[in-house]
Each structure stands twice: as C-alpha cells, then as structure tokens.
Protein backbone atom coordinates (compact mmCIF):
# COMPACT_ATOMS: atom_id res chain seq x y z
CA MET A 1 0.03 0.01 -0.04
CA ASN A 2 1.17 3.57 -0.71
CA ASN A 3 -1.13 5.24 1.88
CA LYS A 4 0.37 8.10 3.89
CA TRP A 5 -0.33 8.54 7.55
CA PRO A 6 -4.01 9.80 7.90
CA TYR A 7 -4.19 13.51 8.67
CA VAL A 8 -7.44 14.40 10.42
CA ILE A 9 -8.95 17.83 10.46
CA ALA A 10 -11.79 18.74 12.90
CA GLU A 11 -13.78 21.41 11.09
CA ILE A 12 -15.11 23.75 13.75
CA GLY A 13 -16.40 26.16 11.08
CA CYS A 14 -19.08 28.25 12.70
CA ASN A 15 -20.14 25.69 15.32
CA HIS A 16 -18.61 28.01 17.98
CA MET A 17 -21.84 30.01 17.68
CA GLY A 18 -19.87 33.29 17.59
CA LYS A 19 -18.29 32.73 21.05
CA MET A 20 -14.56 32.75 21.50
CA GLU A 21 -14.76 30.75 24.75
CA ILE A 22 -16.54 27.92 22.93
CA ALA A 23 -14.10 28.13 20.04
CA LYS A 24 -11.16 27.70 22.43
CA GLU A 25 -12.91 24.89 24.28
CA MET A 26 -13.34 23.10 20.95
CA ILE A 27 -9.66 23.61 20.09
CA GLU A 28 -8.61 22.19 23.47
CA THR A 29 -10.99 19.20 23.16
CA ALA A 30 -9.85 18.47 19.62
CA ALA A 31 -6.18 18.56 20.70
CA SER A 32 -6.26 16.82 24.08
CA PHE A 33 -9.16 14.42 23.85
CA CYS A 34 -9.72 13.73 20.16
CA LYS A 35 -6.01 13.93 19.33
CA VAL A 36 -6.63 15.07 15.76
CA ASP A 37 -4.06 16.94 13.68
CA ALA A 38 -5.74 20.23 12.96
CA VAL A 39 -8.77 22.33 13.51
CA LYS A 40 -10.32 24.54 10.86
CA PHE A 41 -12.51 27.60 11.09
CA GLN A 42 -14.23 29.71 8.42
CA LYS A 43 -13.70 33.35 7.28
CA ARG A 44 -16.21 35.36 5.25
CA CYS A 45 -16.58 38.96 4.20
CA ASN A 46 -20.29 38.82 4.06
CA LYS A 47 -20.88 42.16 2.27
CA GLU A 48 -18.57 40.89 -0.52
CA LEU A 49 -19.89 37.32 -0.56
CA LEU A 50 -23.59 38.09 -0.53
CA THR A 51 -25.75 40.23 -2.77
CA GLU A 52 -27.69 43.01 -1.05
CA GLU A 53 -30.78 40.95 -1.57
CA GLN A 54 -29.26 37.81 -0.01
CA TYR A 55 -27.82 39.84 2.89
CA ASN A 56 -31.20 41.36 3.73
CA ALA A 57 -33.29 38.27 3.24
CA PRO A 58 -34.57 36.22 6.24
CA HIS A 59 -32.63 33.08 7.15
CA PRO A 60 -34.12 30.11 5.23
CA ASN A 61 -34.29 28.20 8.58
CA PRO A 62 -35.35 30.85 11.17
CA GLU A 63 -34.90 28.42 14.08
CA ASN A 64 -31.22 28.36 13.30
CA SER A 65 -30.73 32.09 12.82
CA TYR A 66 -28.67 34.39 15.02
CA GLY A 67 -30.08 37.58 13.42
CA ARG A 68 -33.14 39.16 11.88
CA THR A 69 -31.64 38.68 8.32
CA TYR A 70 -29.29 36.16 6.79
CA GLY A 71 -26.62 38.83 6.68
CA GLU A 72 -27.01 39.64 10.41
CA HIS A 73 -26.86 35.87 11.12
CA ARG A 74 -23.61 35.51 9.25
CA GLU A 75 -22.12 38.59 10.91
CA PHE A 76 -22.96 37.29 14.32
CA LEU A 77 -20.91 34.11 13.61
CA GLU A 78 -17.93 35.93 12.09
CA PHE A 79 -14.62 36.37 13.88
CA THR A 80 -12.32 39.22 12.94
CA LYS A 81 -8.78 38.76 11.65
CA GLU A 82 -7.36 39.57 15.11
CA GLN A 83 -9.65 36.96 16.66
CA HIS A 84 -8.40 34.41 14.17
CA ARG A 85 -4.87 35.47 15.16
CA GLU A 86 -5.77 34.80 18.73
CA LEU A 87 -7.21 31.38 17.80
CA GLN A 88 -4.10 30.55 15.88
CA ALA A 89 -1.91 31.33 18.89
CA TYR A 90 -4.22 29.27 21.12
CA CYS A 91 -3.83 26.33 18.71
CA LYS A 92 -0.03 26.68 18.94
CA GLU A 93 -0.31 26.61 22.72
CA LYS A 94 -2.35 23.42 22.64
CA GLY A 95 -0.14 21.73 20.06
CA ILE A 96 -2.64 21.54 17.19
CA GLU A 97 -2.55 23.03 13.67
CA TYR A 98 -4.77 26.01 12.97
CA SER A 99 -6.45 26.62 9.66
CA THR A 100 -9.49 28.20 8.10
CA SER A 101 -11.59 28.12 4.96
CA VAL A 102 -11.80 31.35 3.00
CA TRP A 103 -14.90 32.21 1.01
CA ASP A 104 -13.92 35.41 -0.80
CA LEU A 105 -10.90 37.39 -1.89
CA THR A 106 -10.91 39.82 1.11
CA SER A 107 -10.97 36.83 3.46
CA ALA A 108 -8.26 35.10 1.55
CA LYS A 109 -5.98 38.17 1.75
CA GLU A 110 -6.68 38.60 5.53
CA MET A 111 -6.07 34.96 6.45
CA ALA A 112 -2.94 34.71 4.22
CA GLU A 113 -1.42 37.36 6.42
CA LEU A 114 -1.64 34.91 9.32
CA ASN A 115 0.47 32.47 7.24
CA PRO A 116 -1.12 29.18 8.45
CA ARG A 117 0.33 25.92 7.10
CA PHE A 118 -2.75 25.53 4.85
CA LEU A 119 -5.88 27.32 3.76
CA LYS A 120 -9.04 25.69 2.52
CA ILE A 121 -11.35 26.65 -0.36
CA PRO A 122 -14.89 25.21 0.09
CA SER A 123 -16.82 23.63 -2.70
CA ALA A 124 -19.08 26.64 -2.93
CA CYS A 125 -16.36 28.96 -4.21
CA ASN A 126 -13.86 26.59 -5.85
CA ASN A 127 -14.66 28.37 -9.18
CA HIS A 128 -13.66 31.78 -7.82
CA TYR A 129 -10.60 31.83 -10.05
CA GLU A 130 -9.57 35.32 -9.13
CA MET A 131 -9.23 34.14 -5.49
CA LEU A 132 -7.43 30.94 -6.43
CA SER A 133 -5.02 32.81 -8.64
CA TRP A 134 -4.33 35.42 -5.91
CA LEU A 135 -3.55 32.63 -3.45
CA CYS A 136 -1.30 30.86 -5.96
CA GLU A 137 0.70 34.05 -6.43
CA ASN A 138 0.77 35.42 -2.90
CA TYR A 139 0.29 32.61 -0.34
CA GLN A 140 3.06 30.07 -0.03
CA GLY A 141 1.31 27.43 2.06
CA GLU A 142 -0.62 24.42 1.08
CA ILE A 143 -4.06 25.02 -0.58
CA GLN A 144 -6.87 22.58 -0.06
CA ILE A 145 -9.97 22.48 -2.24
CA SER A 146 -13.22 20.50 -1.95
CA PHE A 147 -14.80 19.16 -5.14
CA GLY A 148 -18.42 19.05 -3.94
CA MET A 149 -21.07 20.13 -6.45
CA THR A 150 -18.33 20.37 -9.11
CA THR A 151 -18.30 19.09 -12.65
CA HIS A 152 -15.36 17.05 -14.00
CA GLU A 153 -14.66 19.91 -16.44
CA GLU A 154 -14.54 22.35 -13.50
CA GLU A 155 -12.16 19.99 -11.58
CA LYS A 156 -9.82 19.99 -14.66
CA GLU A 157 -9.95 23.77 -14.87
CA ILE A 158 -8.97 24.06 -11.19
CA VAL A 159 -6.01 21.68 -11.45
CA ASP A 160 -4.96 23.23 -14.74
CA LEU A 161 -4.94 26.70 -13.05
CA PHE A 162 -2.67 25.39 -10.26
CA GLU A 163 -0.32 23.82 -12.86
CA LYS A 164 -0.23 27.09 -14.78
CA HIS A 165 0.97 28.85 -11.58
CA GLY A 166 3.32 26.04 -10.72
CA ARG A 167 1.51 25.37 -7.47
CA ASN A 168 -0.15 22.03 -8.26
CA LYS A 169 2.15 20.09 -5.86
CA ASP A 170 0.86 22.35 -3.03
CA LEU A 171 -2.74 21.43 -3.84
CA THR A 172 -4.84 18.91 -1.89
CA ILE A 173 -8.21 18.02 -3.53
CA TYR A 174 -11.11 16.46 -1.59
CA SER A 175 -13.75 14.01 -2.80
CA CYS A 176 -16.89 15.58 -1.28
CA THR A 177 -20.64 15.52 -1.62
CA SER A 178 -22.28 18.78 -0.57
CA GLY A 179 -25.15 17.95 1.65
CA TYR A 180 -25.87 18.22 5.43
CA PRO A 181 -26.05 15.35 6.27
CA VAL A 182 -25.37 13.17 3.26
CA PRO A 183 -27.12 9.74 2.98
CA MET A 184 -24.74 6.86 2.43
CA LYS A 185 -25.85 6.22 -1.13
CA ASP A 186 -24.71 9.80 -2.01
CA VAL A 187 -21.33 9.65 -0.41
CA CYS A 188 -19.87 7.91 -3.60
CA LEU A 189 -16.57 6.78 -1.98
CA LEU A 190 -15.29 5.47 -5.37
CA GLU A 191 -14.81 9.15 -6.37
CA ILE A 192 -11.64 8.94 -4.30
CA LYS A 193 -10.31 6.33 -6.61
CA ARG A 194 -11.30 8.31 -9.68
CA LEU A 195 -9.56 11.44 -8.34
CA LYS A 196 -6.48 9.41 -7.49
CA GLU A 197 -6.33 7.90 -10.96
CA THR A 198 -7.04 11.18 -12.66
CA TYR A 199 -4.94 13.64 -10.62
CA GLY A 200 -2.87 11.60 -8.16
CA ASP A 201 0.42 12.35 -10.01
CA ARG A 202 -0.47 16.02 -10.61
CA VAL A 203 -1.44 17.22 -7.13
CA LYS A 204 0.03 16.86 -3.60
CA ARG A 205 -2.65 14.41 -2.34
CA VAL A 206 -6.35 13.43 -2.41
CA GLY A 207 -8.56 13.77 0.67
CA PHE A 208 -12.05 12.93 1.85
CA SER A 209 -14.37 15.61 3.23
CA GLY A 210 -17.33 13.79 4.70
CA HIS A 211 -20.71 15.20 5.66
CA HIS A 212 -22.33 11.85 6.52
CA ASN A 213 -23.41 10.53 9.87
CA GLY A 214 -21.22 8.09 11.76
CA ILE A 215 -17.57 7.06 11.22
CA ALA A 216 -17.69 3.63 9.64
CA ILE A 217 -17.02 4.57 6.05
CA ASP A 218 -14.04 6.83 6.64
CA VAL A 219 -11.89 3.75 7.00
CA ALA A 220 -13.06 2.66 3.52
CA ALA A 221 -11.99 6.07 2.31
CA LEU A 222 -8.49 5.40 3.70
CA THR A 223 -8.19 2.08 1.91
CA LEU A 224 -9.23 3.76 -1.35
CA GLY A 225 -6.31 6.12 -1.06
CA ALA A 226 -7.54 9.26 0.85
CA GLU A 227 -4.68 10.77 2.90
CA VAL A 228 -6.42 13.69 4.65
CA PHE A 229 -9.78 13.58 6.34
CA GLU A 230 -12.02 16.50 7.18
CA ARG A 231 -15.16 16.10 9.34
CA HIS A 232 -17.38 18.77 10.93
CA PHE A 233 -16.92 18.97 14.73
CA THR A 234 -19.21 20.11 17.53
CA LEU A 235 -19.44 19.75 21.25
CA ASP A 236 -23.25 19.06 21.08
CA ARG A 237 -25.10 18.05 17.93
CA THR A 238 -28.35 19.53 19.41
CA TRP A 239 -26.97 23.04 19.53
CA LYS A 240 -28.57 25.75 17.38
CA GLY A 241 -27.15 25.95 13.90
CA THR A 242 -27.27 24.24 10.53
CA ASP A 243 -23.99 22.26 10.71
CA HIS A 244 -24.28 20.59 14.12
CA ALA A 245 -26.50 17.79 12.89
CA ALA A 246 -23.88 16.73 10.33
CA SER A 247 -20.96 17.03 12.83
CA LEU A 248 -19.10 14.61 15.09
CA GLU A 249 -19.13 15.08 18.85
CA PRO A 250 -15.83 14.67 20.71
CA ASP A 251 -16.10 10.90 21.25
CA GLY A 252 -16.92 10.35 17.58
CA MET A 253 -13.94 12.46 16.48
CA ARG A 254 -11.68 10.69 18.87
CA ARG A 255 -12.79 7.26 17.53
CA LEU A 256 -12.45 8.39 14.01
CA LYS A 257 -8.77 9.40 14.51
CA ARG A 258 -8.15 6.12 16.44
CA ASN A 259 -9.78 3.97 13.78
CA LEU A 260 -7.92 5.62 10.87
CA THR A 261 -4.48 5.32 12.55
CA GLN A 262 -5.19 1.69 13.55
CA THR A 263 -6.26 0.83 9.99
CA TYR A 264 -3.21 2.50 8.58
CA ASP A 265 -1.00 0.36 10.84
CA ALA A 266 -2.80 -2.73 9.65
CA LEU A 267 -2.59 -1.96 5.90
CA THR A 268 0.60 -3.93 5.31
CA TYR A 269 1.77 -7.15 3.76
CA LYS A 270 3.49 -9.76 5.95
CA SER A 271 7.22 -8.94 6.21
CA ASP A 272 7.95 -12.67 6.59
CA GLU A 273 5.96 -15.76 5.62
CA ILE A 274 5.76 -16.64 9.32
CA LEU A 275 5.74 -13.55 11.46
CA PRO A 276 7.56 -13.61 14.77
CA ILE A 277 4.26 -13.39 16.62
CA GLU A 278 3.19 -16.62 14.82
CA GLN A 279 6.32 -18.72 15.50
CA THR A 280 5.38 -19.77 18.98
CA GLN A 281 1.89 -20.71 17.94
CA ARG A 282 3.16 -22.56 14.88
CA ALA A 283 5.53 -24.62 16.99
CA LYS A 284 2.72 -25.50 19.38
CA LEU A 285 -0.32 -25.84 17.14
CA LYS A 286 0.66 -26.49 13.52
CA TYR A 287 -0.30 -29.96 12.19
CA ARG A 288 2.76 -32.09 11.64
CA LYS A 289 2.59 -34.28 8.53
C-alpha cells in the first residue's frame, strides 16, 4: 500500500456560535481528547460574498438564525482577523494546527497574512478563479479545495490553473458530496479512486471531506487512497445551527482518529511468511505431517 499517515482535521467552522470561549474549548478538546491533527474555522466577508438581496433576506431556517436577516446571522458568527490570530496562537499553545476556509478574496488576503500551514477553499467557491489565482501568487502554504457540487470539467480547470501557476504540488483536492447530512448512497466513495487515478500524480494528495453520519465509512476512504480527512466537529449536535447535525461530537472524532490510525497500521503485507508473533503458535499448534 502507498497510503500516507492519515491526517485528520476537525472542522469547527461556525459551530462555535460566535463565542470565543466555545471556540477555544473546541480547540482544546480536539487537541487533548480527540488527538486530531488540525482544527479549521471559516472566514467570510459577508458584504462581498452576498448580494444585497441575500444579505437582507430572512434566514431560510429561522430556528437556526442568530439575526433578523441572513446577513445579520452571518455577521454574528464571524470572527475578525485579530480573533483568528488569537485562535491561531491558542492552537499553537495546545499543540494543534490552525487553519481556516476562505470564502472570498478579502478573507483570503486577511487569512494569508496569518500564514497558516494550509488554507481551504470550500466547494461553494472553488470556481472563484480570481481568489485561487491570488492565493497561488501570494500565499506560499498548502491550498486545499473540496470538489463538492463540481463538474469534471470544473475539476480539470482548477487543477490546470494550479499547474499554470506552478502550485499543483501544493494542492490537496477532496472528494466531497455537498449535503448536510449526506445519505450513504450519495457519499460515492469510489470518487476517491477516480480522483487518485486522474490527478494523483499532478497534485499533492487526495482527501475525503465527509458530511455523512457516523464514522464507519471513513476507514473505507483510507483504503481507497484518501490521505487527509475532514469532518465537521461540535461539542453538542443538538446546539442551534445548521452544521451541528452533520458534525461529530468529541467521542466520535476521537474514535475516527483512532480507527484511521489503527487501520493505517494494519494496511501492510507480511514482512515474513511466518511472522515472529506466529512462530510460537506454529511450534505449538501447527499440524505435523
């Protein structure tokens, strides 16, 4: 097997509900209890990302809204650049990698100033080629992109863009189905194999960004060649908000990391026809002709 050690990202996103103390508790839990490799937040400039009509419209699910309008809801959940800097420092203190998704050019420029090891582009804006080009030219870290709700032609255009800028070996692409949560029949794990076969020698690595319930199939994603795993993370799936229901609570995230690393350890051929652990049993139990 050519699998690399599974790198696991707990996506906090906006599940902090706009509260720094909850965000820091989630960082500490992800680091000390779940023992994952990184946490990831989100950064939006809502006035740039949304039209005036979208900004002033009511939230489509009022019970999950933190404001009178969708724009007010999004602003309530938004951390400033300095707050992200504070979260990055807290991650360093707790021994876990900090990162964030960026949804627009302003956010990309602000977060690039923090110089995290990697930045993420969500499926929703992976065709924002102005932002992708700016990052290729101005940000030297790894760039990760989800391929949810993306055509094969769009995938090719994205990888071609990174090759044009000489940054394709800094690019991680994710197999992803954009739904919250996603039923198993729509996860389509074999897309990992397709992406590996199509782009495996052109990009840094292929990952799996899952929005399904449970953790059983992430191990299958590893065996198909995924090397980095991203799952939404919450402290309580019943909390107010749209992403909590498709998120893992701390014990689920802990078991996900454990299961992936154990499976990685097990994905080998025997180094000897009779392993040392078998020799005593062979001497005692093996049928003698």
